[in-house]
Amino acid sequence: MLSKPRRALPALIEPGECQVVLQIVGASPVTVITVISEATGLDFMSASKLAQDAPSVVASGISQASAELVVERLEKAGAKAVSAEQYRPESG
């Protein structure tokens, strides 16, 4: 049975210049995967794959406030995550 596409929670995806990097999933992977799904709109299996690939970028192109919310939720779920400005190679 196919699942319906999900939508990310609006407060977690305000446009901006930041990204969230999941470093360590921690002791509660199901809860962490749920937070990833809420932040990205990915289905459970896709969010699970993203968690398994840690360290990985969970969200990018979001505001600092959104990034901090995502990091806070991930940390409450037992994960280790950080927010930072998106990497932009210098042109020239």
N, C-alpha and C. Protein backbone atom coordinates (compact mmCIF):
# COMPACT_ATOMS: atom_id res chain seq x y z
N MET A 1 0.84 -1.18 0.00
CA MET A 1 0.00 0.00 0.00
C MET A 1 0.89 1.25 0.00
N LEU A 2 0.66 2.13 -0.91
CA LEU A 2 1.43 3.37 -1.00
C LEU A 2 0.90 4.38 -0.01
N SER A 3 1.80 5.14 0.60
CA SER A 3 1.36 6.17 1.52
C SER A 3 1.24 7.49 0.77
N LYS A 4 0.37 8.35 1.30
CA LYS A 4 0.19 9.66 0.69
C LYS A 4 1.41 10.52 0.98
N PRO A 5 1.77 11.40 0.04
CA PRO A 5 2.89 12.30 0.31
C PRO A 5 2.54 13.18 1.51
N ARG A 6 3.53 13.45 2.33
CA ARG A 6 3.32 14.28 3.51
C ARG A 6 3.80 15.69 3.22
N ARG A 7 3.41 16.58 4.08
CA ARG A 7 3.90 17.96 4.01
C ARG A 7 4.67 18.26 5.28
N ALA A 8 5.74 18.99 5.13
CA ALA A 8 6.51 19.40 6.30
C ALA A 8 5.72 20.42 7.09
N LEU A 9 5.95 20.47 8.40
CA LEU A 9 5.30 21.46 9.23
C LEU A 9 5.78 22.85 8.85
N PRO A 10 4.87 23.79 8.59
CA PRO A 10 5.26 25.12 8.11
C PRO A 10 6.30 25.83 8.99
N ALA A 11 6.20 25.69 10.31
CA ALA A 11 7.15 26.38 11.20
C ALA A 11 8.57 25.84 11.04
N LEU A 12 8.69 24.64 10.47
CA LEU A 12 10.01 24.03 10.34
C LEU A 12 10.66 24.26 8.98
N ILE A 13 9.97 24.95 8.08
CA ILE A 13 10.53 25.11 6.73
C ILE A 13 10.47 26.53 6.19
N GLU A 14 10.53 27.53 7.08
CA GLU A 14 10.57 28.91 6.60
C GLU A 14 11.83 29.08 5.75
N PRO A 15 11.74 29.72 4.58
CA PRO A 15 12.90 29.86 3.71
C PRO A 15 14.01 30.69 4.34
N GLY A 16 15.23 30.32 4.04
CA GLY A 16 16.38 31.05 4.57
C GLY A 16 17.68 30.47 4.06
N GLU A 17 18.75 30.70 4.80
CA GLU A 17 20.10 30.32 4.37
C GLU A 17 20.75 29.26 5.26
N CYS A 18 19.98 28.58 6.10
CA CYS A 18 20.56 27.62 7.04
C CYS A 18 20.25 26.18 6.66
N GLN A 19 21.01 25.29 7.29
CA GLN A 19 20.77 23.86 7.12
C GLN A 19 20.91 23.18 8.48
N VAL A 20 20.33 22.00 8.60
CA VAL A 20 20.44 21.20 9.81
C VAL A 20 21.14 19.90 9.45
N VAL A 21 22.18 19.58 10.21
CA VAL A 21 22.93 18.35 9.99
C VAL A 21 22.69 17.42 11.17
N LEU A 22 22.16 16.24 10.89
CA LEU A 22 21.99 15.20 11.89
C LEU A 22 23.33 14.49 12.02
N GLN A 23 23.90 14.52 13.23
CA GLN A 23 25.20 13.91 13.44
C GLN A 23 25.08 12.49 13.98
N ILE A 24 24.26 12.31 15.01
CA ILE A 24 24.08 11.00 15.64
C ILE A 24 22.59 10.81 15.92
N VAL A 25 22.05 9.64 15.59
CA VAL A 25 20.63 9.37 15.79
C VAL A 25 20.30 9.22 17.27
N GLY A 26 21.10 8.52 18.02
CA GLY A 26 20.85 8.35 19.45
C GLY A 26 20.04 7.11 19.76
N ALA A 27 19.50 7.07 20.98
CA ALA A 27 18.84 5.88 21.51
C ALA A 27 17.39 5.71 21.08
N SER A 28 16.78 6.74 20.50
CA SER A 28 15.37 6.67 20.11
C SER A 28 15.20 6.92 18.61
N PRO A 29 15.66 5.98 17.78
CA PRO A 29 15.63 6.25 16.33
C PRO A 29 14.23 6.48 15.77
N VAL A 30 13.22 5.81 16.29
CA VAL A 30 11.87 5.99 15.75
C VAL A 30 11.39 7.42 15.98
N THR A 31 11.67 7.96 17.16
CA THR A 31 11.28 9.33 17.45
C THR A 31 12.05 10.31 16.58
N VAL A 32 13.33 10.07 16.37
CA VAL A 32 14.15 10.92 15.51
C VAL A 32 13.63 10.88 14.08
N ILE A 33 13.28 9.70 13.60
CA ILE A 33 12.76 9.55 12.24
C ILE A 33 11.45 10.31 12.10
N THR A 34 10.62 10.29 13.13
CA THR A 34 9.36 11.05 13.11
C THR A 34 9.63 12.54 12.98
N VAL A 35 10.62 13.05 13.71
CA VAL A 35 10.97 14.47 13.63
C VAL A 35 11.49 14.80 12.23
N ILE A 36 12.33 13.94 11.68
CA ILE A 36 12.84 14.15 10.31
C ILE A 36 11.67 14.21 9.33
N SER A 37 10.73 13.31 9.48
CA SER A 37 9.56 13.29 8.60
C SER A 37 8.76 14.59 8.71
N GLU A 38 8.58 15.08 9.94
CA GLU A 38 7.85 16.33 10.15
C GLU A 38 8.59 17.52 9.53
N ALA A 39 9.92 17.49 9.61
CA ALA A 39 10.71 18.62 9.11
C ALA A 39 10.88 18.61 7.60
N THR A 40 10.74 17.44 6.98
CA THR A 40 11.02 17.34 5.55
C THR A 40 9.81 16.98 4.70
N GLY A 41 8.81 16.36 5.32
CA GLY A 41 7.67 15.87 4.55
C GLY A 41 7.94 14.50 3.95
N LEU A 42 9.08 13.90 4.26
CA LEU A 42 9.41 12.57 3.75
C LEU A 42 8.55 11.51 4.43
N ASP A 43 8.29 10.40 3.72
CA ASP A 43 7.61 9.28 4.35
C ASP A 43 8.56 8.62 5.33
N PHE A 44 8.02 7.71 6.17
CA PHE A 44 8.81 7.10 7.23
C PHE A 44 10.04 6.37 6.69
N MET A 45 9.89 5.63 5.61
CA MET A 45 11.01 4.86 5.06
C MET A 45 12.12 5.78 4.55
N SER A 46 11.76 6.85 3.86
CA SER A 46 12.76 7.79 3.36
C SER A 46 13.46 8.52 4.50
N ALA A 47 12.68 8.91 5.52
CA ALA A 47 13.25 9.57 6.69
C ALA A 47 14.17 8.60 7.43
N SER A 48 13.80 7.33 7.47
CA SER A 48 14.62 6.30 8.10
C SER A 48 15.97 6.17 7.39
N LYS A 49 15.95 6.18 6.07
CA LYS A 49 17.18 6.08 5.28
C LYS A 49 18.09 7.28 5.55
N LEU A 50 17.48 8.45 5.65
CA LEU A 50 18.24 9.66 5.94
C LEU A 50 18.90 9.55 7.32
N ALA A 51 18.17 9.03 8.30
CA ALA A 51 18.72 8.85 9.64
C ALA A 51 19.85 7.83 9.64
N GLN A 52 19.69 6.75 8.90
CA GLN A 52 20.72 5.72 8.84
C GLN A 52 22.01 6.24 8.21
N ASP A 53 21.90 7.24 7.36
CA ASP A 53 23.05 7.79 6.66
C ASP A 53 23.77 8.88 7.46
N ALA A 54 23.38 9.09 8.72
CA ALA A 54 23.99 10.14 9.54
C ALA A 54 25.50 9.94 9.62
N PRO A 55 26.28 10.99 9.54
CA PRO A 55 25.86 12.38 9.48
C PRO A 55 25.30 12.74 8.11
N SER A 56 24.18 13.46 8.14
CA SER A 56 23.52 13.85 6.90
C SER A 56 22.76 15.15 7.08
N VAL A 57 22.58 15.87 5.98
CA VAL A 57 21.81 17.11 6.00
C VAL A 57 20.34 16.72 6.00
N VAL A 58 19.63 17.14 7.04
CA VAL A 58 18.22 16.82 7.19
C VAL A 58 17.36 17.88 6.50
N ALA A 59 17.74 19.14 6.64
CA ALA A 59 16.98 20.23 6.03
C ALA A 59 17.96 21.30 5.58
N SER A 60 17.68 21.92 4.46
CA SER A 60 18.53 23.01 3.98
C SER A 60 17.67 24.09 3.34
N GLY A 61 18.21 25.28 3.26
CA GLY A 61 17.46 26.40 2.68
C GLY A 61 16.35 26.88 3.60
N ILE A 62 16.56 26.74 4.93
CA ILE A 62 15.55 27.16 5.89
C ILE A 62 16.10 28.31 6.74
N SER A 63 15.19 29.02 7.40
CA SER A 63 15.59 30.15 8.23
C SER A 63 16.33 29.68 9.48
N GLN A 64 17.03 30.59 10.12
CA GLN A 64 17.74 30.28 11.37
C GLN A 64 16.74 29.81 12.43
N ALA A 65 15.59 30.48 12.51
CA ALA A 65 14.57 30.09 13.50
C ALA A 65 14.06 28.68 13.24
N SER A 66 13.80 28.35 11.98
CA SER A 66 13.35 27.00 11.64
C SER A 66 14.43 25.98 11.94
N ALA A 67 15.67 26.31 11.61
CA ALA A 67 16.78 25.40 11.87
C ALA A 67 16.91 25.12 13.37
N GLU A 68 16.79 26.16 14.18
CA GLU A 68 16.88 25.98 15.63
C GLU A 68 15.74 25.10 16.15
N LEU A 69 14.53 25.27 15.59
CA LEU A 69 13.40 24.42 15.98
C LEU A 69 13.65 22.96 15.63
N VAL A 70 14.17 22.72 14.44
CA VAL A 70 14.45 21.35 14.01
C VAL A 70 15.51 20.73 14.91
N VAL A 71 16.59 21.47 15.18
CA VAL A 71 17.66 20.97 16.06
C VAL A 71 17.09 20.67 17.45
N GLU A 72 16.28 21.58 17.97
CA GLU A 72 15.69 21.39 19.29
C GLU A 72 14.84 20.12 19.33
N ARG A 73 14.02 19.91 18.32
CA ARG A 73 13.17 18.72 18.27
C ARG A 73 14.01 17.44 18.15
N LEU A 74 15.03 17.49 17.32
CA LEU A 74 15.90 16.33 17.17
C LEU A 74 16.62 16.00 18.49
N GLU A 75 17.08 17.03 19.17
CA GLU A 75 17.78 16.81 20.43
C GLU A 75 16.84 16.28 21.51
N LYS A 76 15.60 16.78 21.53
CA LYS A 76 14.60 16.24 22.48
C LYS A 76 14.32 14.77 22.20
N ALA A 77 14.46 14.37 20.93
CA ALA A 77 14.24 12.97 20.54
C ALA A 77 15.47 12.11 20.82
N GLY A 78 16.56 12.73 21.29
CA GLY A 78 17.75 11.97 21.64
C GLY A 78 18.88 12.01 20.62
N ALA A 79 18.70 12.77 19.56
CA ALA A 79 19.72 12.86 18.52
C ALA A 79 20.71 13.98 18.82
N LYS A 80 21.79 13.99 18.09
CA LYS A 80 22.76 15.09 18.11
C LYS A 80 22.68 15.74 16.74
N ALA A 81 22.37 17.04 16.73
CA ALA A 81 22.24 17.77 15.47
C ALA A 81 22.75 19.19 15.64
N VAL A 82 23.15 19.80 14.53
CA VAL A 82 23.63 21.18 14.55
C VAL A 82 23.01 21.95 13.38
N SER A 83 22.91 23.25 13.56
CA SER A 83 22.47 24.11 12.45
C SER A 83 23.64 24.99 12.04
N ALA A 84 23.68 25.32 10.78
CA ALA A 84 24.75 26.16 10.25
C ALA A 84 24.29 26.81 8.96
N GLU A 85 25.04 27.82 8.54
CA GLU A 85 24.76 28.41 7.24
C GLU A 85 25.10 27.40 6.16
N GLN A 86 24.36 27.44 5.06
CA GLN A 86 24.63 26.54 3.96
C GLN A 86 26.01 26.80 3.40
N TYR A 87 26.68 25.73 3.00
CA TYR A 87 27.99 25.86 2.38
C TYR A 87 27.82 26.41 0.96
N ARG A 88 28.59 27.42 0.67
CA ARG A 88 28.58 28.01 -0.66
C ARG A 88 30.02 28.14 -1.14
N PRO A 89 30.40 27.35 -2.14
CA PRO A 89 31.77 27.48 -2.64
C PRO A 89 31.99 28.87 -3.24
N GLU A 90 33.18 29.37 -3.05
CA GLU A 90 33.49 30.69 -3.59
C GLU A 90 33.63 30.60 -5.10
N SER A 91 33.01 31.54 -5.77
CA SER A 91 33.13 31.55 -7.25
C SER A 91 34.28 32.48 -7.63
N GLY A 92 34.87 32.16 -8.71
CA GLY A 92 35.91 33.07 -9.13
C GLY A 92 37.04 32.42 -9.67
